[in-house]
Amino acid sequence: MTRLLVIGGGRMGAALLGGLVRSGWAPADECAVVERRPEIREVLRTRFPGVAVHEEPVPCDSVVLAVKPTDAAAACAQLARAPRARVLSVVAGVTIERLAGWLWPGTPIVRAMPNTPALLGTSASAIAGGPAASEQDLVWAESVLSSIGVVVRLPERLLDAATGLSGSGPAYVFLVAEALVEAGVLEGLDREVSRVLTVQTILGAARMLAESGESAEVLRAAVTSPGGTTAAALRVLESRAVRAAFLDAVSASTARSRTLGDGL
């Protein structure tokens, strides 16, 4: 029997599968993926030698549900016809209660929200367990998602907030990067030079946050000399309410996440 079955071979499903195989979580021949689009099935066979690629679910121990919200009910209906398996769902906006209504009664369900850096093994994921999920199920889900990054546990009511912060978060950083590149060009830098400096600045700042043990506030203050260039720049950003704009952006994304499952 297949050890892990990934339902959905899109970006997130493929990222998870790649992380699991790359990290040695499971041999390729113990994993399988279900994808309804024939052209994507061919891509998956080429990308993941040894991983079985199917059009419909097969018997398995565990499932990762990685489909679009509009496809979740149909995918669960297919699973409901197969032997019972625990389910890790990375479907945005679909609650554990709704998933439970589509699956076998008593199915252990863990809901998760990873983000797109999963493609590089640097995802930030939040998970929440359903009523039938045991500690062992949560540890299993953590082991799956740890293959593509870091994992935190949350009550389900806070998963939408995690979506607003880290789920959508890469787009916020990319927007900042776009703006910084343009700013460098406006000040006379070659576009490629501006891009290289921007990317390395963001990468370096992120590593300082991750590795220095200091808070963002402390690190920012250390860069900001009284009356200096950084202080002048930050004064402009604060006057334009950039901080408030980020607060509102996360709030808007969180609110939208709460409504994604409506009408399914």
Protein backbone atom coordinates (compact mmCIF):
# COMPACT_ATOMS: atom_id res chain seq x y z
CA MET A 1 0.00 0.00 0.00
CA THR A 2 1.15 3.53 -0.78
CA ARG A 3 2.56 5.30 2.30
CA LEU A 4 1.58 8.82 1.22
CA LEU A 5 -0.80 9.98 -1.48
CA VAL A 6 -0.75 13.60 -2.63
CA ILE A 7 -4.05 14.70 -4.18
CA GLY A 8 -3.26 17.52 -6.59
CA GLY A 9 -0.06 17.88 -8.58
CA GLY A 10 -0.04 21.69 -8.83
CA ARG A 11 2.59 24.01 -7.36
CA MET A 12 1.94 23.25 -3.70
CA GLY A 13 1.35 19.53 -4.14
CA ALA A 14 4.50 19.18 -6.23
CA ALA A 15 6.50 21.28 -3.75
CA LEU A 16 5.43 19.03 -0.88
CA LEU A 17 6.17 15.88 -2.83
CA GLY A 18 9.57 17.19 -3.85
CA GLY A 19 10.41 18.17 -0.28
CA LEU A 20 9.44 14.79 1.09
CA VAL A 21 11.50 12.89 -1.46
CA ARG A 22 14.47 15.28 -1.26
CA SER A 23 14.60 15.15 2.55
CA GLY A 24 14.41 11.37 2.64
CA TRP A 25 11.09 11.45 4.53
CA ALA A 26 9.98 8.61 2.27
CA PRO A 27 11.44 6.76 -0.71
CA ALA A 28 9.94 7.79 -4.04
CA ASP A 29 8.33 4.37 -4.51
CA GLU A 30 6.33 4.81 -1.28
CA CYS A 31 4.73 8.02 -2.53
CA ALA A 32 2.09 8.64 -5.16
CA VAL A 33 0.31 11.67 -6.59
CA VAL A 34 -3.15 12.05 -8.10
CA GLU A 35 -3.62 14.61 -10.87
CA ARG A 36 -6.62 14.82 -13.20
CA ARG A 37 -4.88 16.85 -15.95
CA PRO A 38 -3.00 14.50 -18.32
CA GLU A 39 -0.38 17.09 -19.32
CA ILE A 40 0.51 17.69 -15.66
CA ARG A 41 0.70 13.95 -15.03
CA GLU A 42 3.39 13.69 -17.69
CA VAL A 43 5.34 16.54 -16.11
CA LEU A 44 5.12 14.85 -12.70
CA ARG A 45 6.37 11.52 -14.07
CA THR A 46 9.41 13.26 -15.52
CA ARG A 47 10.07 15.38 -12.43
CA PHE A 48 9.64 12.60 -9.85
CA PRO A 49 11.06 9.30 -11.15
CA GLY A 50 9.81 6.39 -9.10
CA VAL A 51 6.72 8.21 -7.79
CA ALA A 52 3.49 6.64 -9.02
CA VAL A 53 1.23 9.11 -10.83
CA HIS A 54 -2.51 8.33 -10.96
CA GLU A 55 -5.69 9.86 -12.29
CA GLU A 56 -7.76 8.72 -9.27
CA PRO A 57 -6.95 7.94 -5.60
CA VAL A 58 -5.46 4.56 -4.65
CA PRO A 59 -5.36 2.83 -1.24
CA CYS A 60 -2.88 4.55 1.08
CA ASP A 61 -1.92 5.17 4.71
CA SER A 62 -2.03 8.97 4.59
CA VAL A 63 -3.22 11.72 2.27
CA VAL A 64 -2.13 15.27 1.54
CA LEU A 65 -5.03 17.19 0.01
CA ALA A 66 -3.54 19.94 -2.18
CA VAL A 67 -6.31 21.00 -4.56
CA LYS A 68 -8.13 24.26 -5.24
CA PRO A 69 -11.00 25.07 -2.82
CA THR A 70 -13.55 24.51 -5.60
CA ASP A 71 -12.17 21.00 -6.18
CA ALA A 72 -12.02 19.96 -2.53
CA ALA A 73 -15.49 18.41 -2.27
CA ALA A 74 -14.98 16.23 -5.34
CA ALA A 75 -11.54 15.12 -4.16
CA CYS A 76 -12.92 14.18 -0.75
CA ALA A 77 -15.78 12.28 -2.39
CA GLN A 78 -13.19 10.18 -4.22
CA LEU A 79 -11.33 9.56 -0.97
CA ALA A 80 -14.54 8.58 0.78
CA ARG A 81 -14.81 5.62 -1.59
CA ALA A 82 -11.32 4.44 -0.62
CA PRO A 83 -10.12 2.86 2.67
CA ARG A 84 -9.88 5.37 5.50
CA ALA A 85 -6.65 7.36 5.76
CA ARG A 86 -5.63 10.39 7.79
CA VAL A 87 -5.71 13.63 5.84
CA LEU A 88 -3.46 16.68 5.85
CA SER A 89 -5.28 19.47 4.00
CA VAL A 90 -3.45 22.47 2.54
CA VAL A 91 -6.63 23.71 0.84
CA ALA A 92 -7.06 27.41 1.56
CA GLY A 93 -10.22 28.51 3.35
CA VAL A 94 -11.86 25.07 3.75
CA THR A 95 -12.52 24.31 7.41
CA ILE A 96 -11.95 21.05 9.21
CA GLU A 97 -15.69 20.81 9.87
CA ARG A 98 -16.45 21.03 6.17
CA LEU A 99 -13.76 18.52 5.25
CA ALA A 100 -15.08 16.14 7.91
CA GLY A 101 -18.54 16.30 6.31
CA TRP A 102 -17.08 15.14 2.99
CA LEU A 103 -14.87 12.33 4.36
CA TRP A 104 -15.33 9.11 6.32
CA PRO A 105 -16.81 9.78 9.78
CA GLY A 106 -13.97 9.92 12.28
CA THR A 107 -11.26 10.62 9.70
CA PRO A 108 -8.24 12.25 11.40
CA ILE A 109 -7.86 15.66 9.73
CA VAL A 110 -5.05 18.19 10.10
CA ARG A 111 -5.50 21.50 8.33
CA ALA A 112 -2.42 23.48 7.30
CA MET A 113 -1.43 26.73 5.63
CA PRO A 114 2.03 26.60 3.99
CA ASN A 115 3.34 29.32 1.66
CA THR A 116 5.03 29.34 -1.74
CA PRO A 117 8.69 29.28 -0.55
CA ALA A 118 7.85 25.58 -0.08
CA LEU A 119 9.20 25.34 -3.64
CA LEU A 120 12.67 26.01 -2.19
CA GLY A 121 12.21 24.16 1.10
CA THR A 122 11.82 27.40 3.07
CA SER A 123 8.08 27.45 3.72
CA ALA A 124 6.38 28.78 6.84
CA SER A 125 3.44 26.52 7.76
CA ALA A 126 0.78 26.67 10.45
CA ILE A 127 -1.27 23.58 11.37
CA ALA A 128 -4.40 22.79 13.37
CA GLY A 129 -5.83 19.39 14.23
CA GLY A 130 -9.46 18.33 14.01
CA PRO A 131 -11.41 16.54 16.78
CA ALA A 132 -10.39 13.10 15.48
CA ALA A 133 -6.71 14.01 15.08
CA SER A 134 -4.42 12.56 17.75
CA GLU A 135 -1.06 13.85 18.92
CA GLN A 136 0.49 11.22 16.67
CA ASP A 137 -1.40 12.67 13.69
CA LEU A 138 -0.15 16.17 14.49
CA VAL A 139 3.43 14.93 14.82
CA TRP A 140 3.04 13.18 11.46
CA ALA A 141 1.75 16.39 9.84
CA GLU A 142 4.65 18.32 11.32
CA SER A 143 7.09 15.78 9.90
CA VAL A 144 5.55 16.18 6.43
CA LEU A 145 5.63 19.97 6.47
CA SER A 146 9.04 20.16 8.14
CA SER A 147 10.46 18.70 4.92
CA ILE A 148 9.69 22.05 3.23
CA GLY A 149 10.34 24.53 6.06
CA VAL A 150 9.22 25.47 9.57
CA VAL A 151 5.93 24.53 11.24
CA VAL A 152 3.91 26.04 14.08
CA ARG A 153 0.76 24.73 15.77
CA LEU A 154 -2.29 26.98 16.12
CA PRO A 155 -5.96 26.63 17.00
CA GLU A 156 -7.95 26.50 13.77
CA ARG A 157 -9.54 29.89 14.41
CA LEU A 158 -6.10 31.47 13.90
CA LEU A 159 -5.24 29.77 10.61
CA ASP A 160 -6.85 32.61 8.67
CA ALA A 161 -4.52 35.04 10.45
CA ALA A 162 -1.57 32.83 9.48
CA THR A 163 -2.84 32.98 5.90
CA GLY A 164 -2.97 36.77 6.07
CA LEU A 165 0.55 36.98 7.50
CA SER A 166 2.71 34.19 6.07
CA GLY A 167 0.44 32.70 3.41
CA SER A 168 0.22 35.99 1.53
CA GLY A 169 3.45 37.33 3.05
CA PRO A 170 5.82 36.47 0.18
CA ALA A 171 3.80 38.77 -2.09
CA TYR A 172 4.29 41.65 0.36
CA VAL A 173 8.06 41.12 0.27
CA PHE A 174 8.05 40.86 -3.53
CA LEU A 175 6.16 44.15 -3.75
CA VAL A 176 8.74 45.81 -1.49
CA ALA A 177 11.50 44.35 -3.69
CA GLU A 178 9.84 45.74 -6.83
CA ALA A 179 9.67 49.18 -5.25
CA LEU A 180 13.29 49.11 -4.09
CA VAL A 181 14.54 48.08 -7.51
CA GLU A 182 12.62 50.97 -9.10
CA ALA A 183 13.93 53.36 -6.47
CA GLY A 184 17.50 52.38 -7.25
CA VAL A 185 16.92 52.91 -10.97
CA LEU A 186 15.40 56.34 -10.32
CA GLU A 187 18.53 57.28 -8.39
CA GLY A 188 20.74 56.32 -11.34
CA LEU A 189 21.64 52.67 -10.73
CA ASP A 190 21.63 50.16 -13.57
CA ARG A 191 18.50 47.96 -13.24
CA GLU A 192 20.45 44.71 -12.83
CA VAL A 193 22.73 46.31 -10.23
CA SER A 194 19.67 47.60 -8.39
CA ARG A 195 18.09 44.14 -8.51
CA VAL A 196 21.21 42.42 -7.16
CA LEU A 197 21.57 44.93 -4.32
CA THR A 198 17.87 44.66 -3.45
CA VAL A 199 17.80 40.86 -3.38
CA GLN A 200 20.95 40.61 -1.28
CA THR A 201 19.70 43.30 1.10
CA ILE A 202 16.44 41.40 1.70
CA LEU A 203 18.28 38.09 2.03
CA GLY A 204 20.81 39.54 4.46
CA ALA A 205 18.16 41.24 6.57
CA ALA A 206 16.14 38.01 6.73
CA ARG A 207 19.18 36.06 7.87
CA MET A 208 19.90 38.63 10.56
CA LEU A 209 16.32 38.26 11.82
CA ALA A 210 16.61 34.47 11.78
CA GLU A 211 20.11 34.07 13.19
CA SER A 212 20.98 37.06 15.39
CA GLY A 213 18.45 36.34 18.13
CA GLU A 214 17.47 40.02 18.15
CA SER A 215 14.02 41.44 17.46
CA ALA A 216 13.19 43.42 14.34
CA GLU A 217 12.91 46.55 16.47
CA VAL A 218 16.41 46.13 17.91
CA LEU A 219 17.96 45.40 14.52
CA ARG A 220 16.23 48.40 12.93
CA ALA A 221 17.45 50.69 15.71
CA ALA A 222 21.00 49.41 15.28
CA VAL A 223 20.97 50.51 11.62
CA THR A 224 19.40 53.90 12.37
CA SER A 225 21.97 56.50 13.45
CA PRO A 226 20.51 59.76 14.81
CA GLY A 227 20.26 62.29 11.99
CA GLY A 228 21.62 59.79 9.47
CA THR A 229 20.51 58.50 6.09
CA THR A 230 18.39 55.64 7.45
CA ALA A 231 16.60 57.95 9.88
CA ALA A 232 15.73 60.24 6.98
CA ALA A 233 14.33 57.32 4.99
CA LEU A 234 12.32 55.90 7.88
CA ARG A 235 10.82 59.31 8.59
CA VAL A 236 9.37 59.30 5.07
CA LEU A 237 8.03 55.74 5.40
CA GLU A 238 6.33 56.54 8.70
CA SER A 239 4.85 59.76 7.29
CA ARG A 240 3.34 57.72 4.44
CA ALA A 241 1.81 55.25 6.95
CA VAL A 242 3.67 52.26 5.53
CA ARG A 243 3.44 50.43 8.87
CA ALA A 244 -0.34 50.96 8.98
CA ALA A 245 -0.62 49.81 5.36
CA PHE A 246 0.97 46.47 6.25
CA LEU A 247 -1.39 46.07 9.21
CA ASP A 248 -4.36 46.71 6.92
CA ALA A 249 -2.98 44.35 4.25
CA VAL A 250 -2.69 41.43 6.66
CA SER A 251 -6.16 42.20 8.01
CA ALA A 252 -7.65 42.24 4.50
CA SER A 253 -5.97 38.96 3.57
CA THR A 254 -7.16 37.36 6.82
CA ALA A 255 -10.73 38.50 6.16
CA ARG A 256 -10.63 37.14 2.61
CA SER A 257 -9.32 33.79 3.86
CA ARG A 258 -12.36 33.49 6.14
CA THR A 259 -14.70 33.76 3.14
CA LEU A 260 -12.87 31.48 0.67
CA GLY A 261 -14.82 28.41 1.70
CA ASP A 262 -18.21 30.13 1.51
CA GLY A 263 -20.54 28.70 -1.07
CA LEU A 264 -18.64 25.45 -1.61
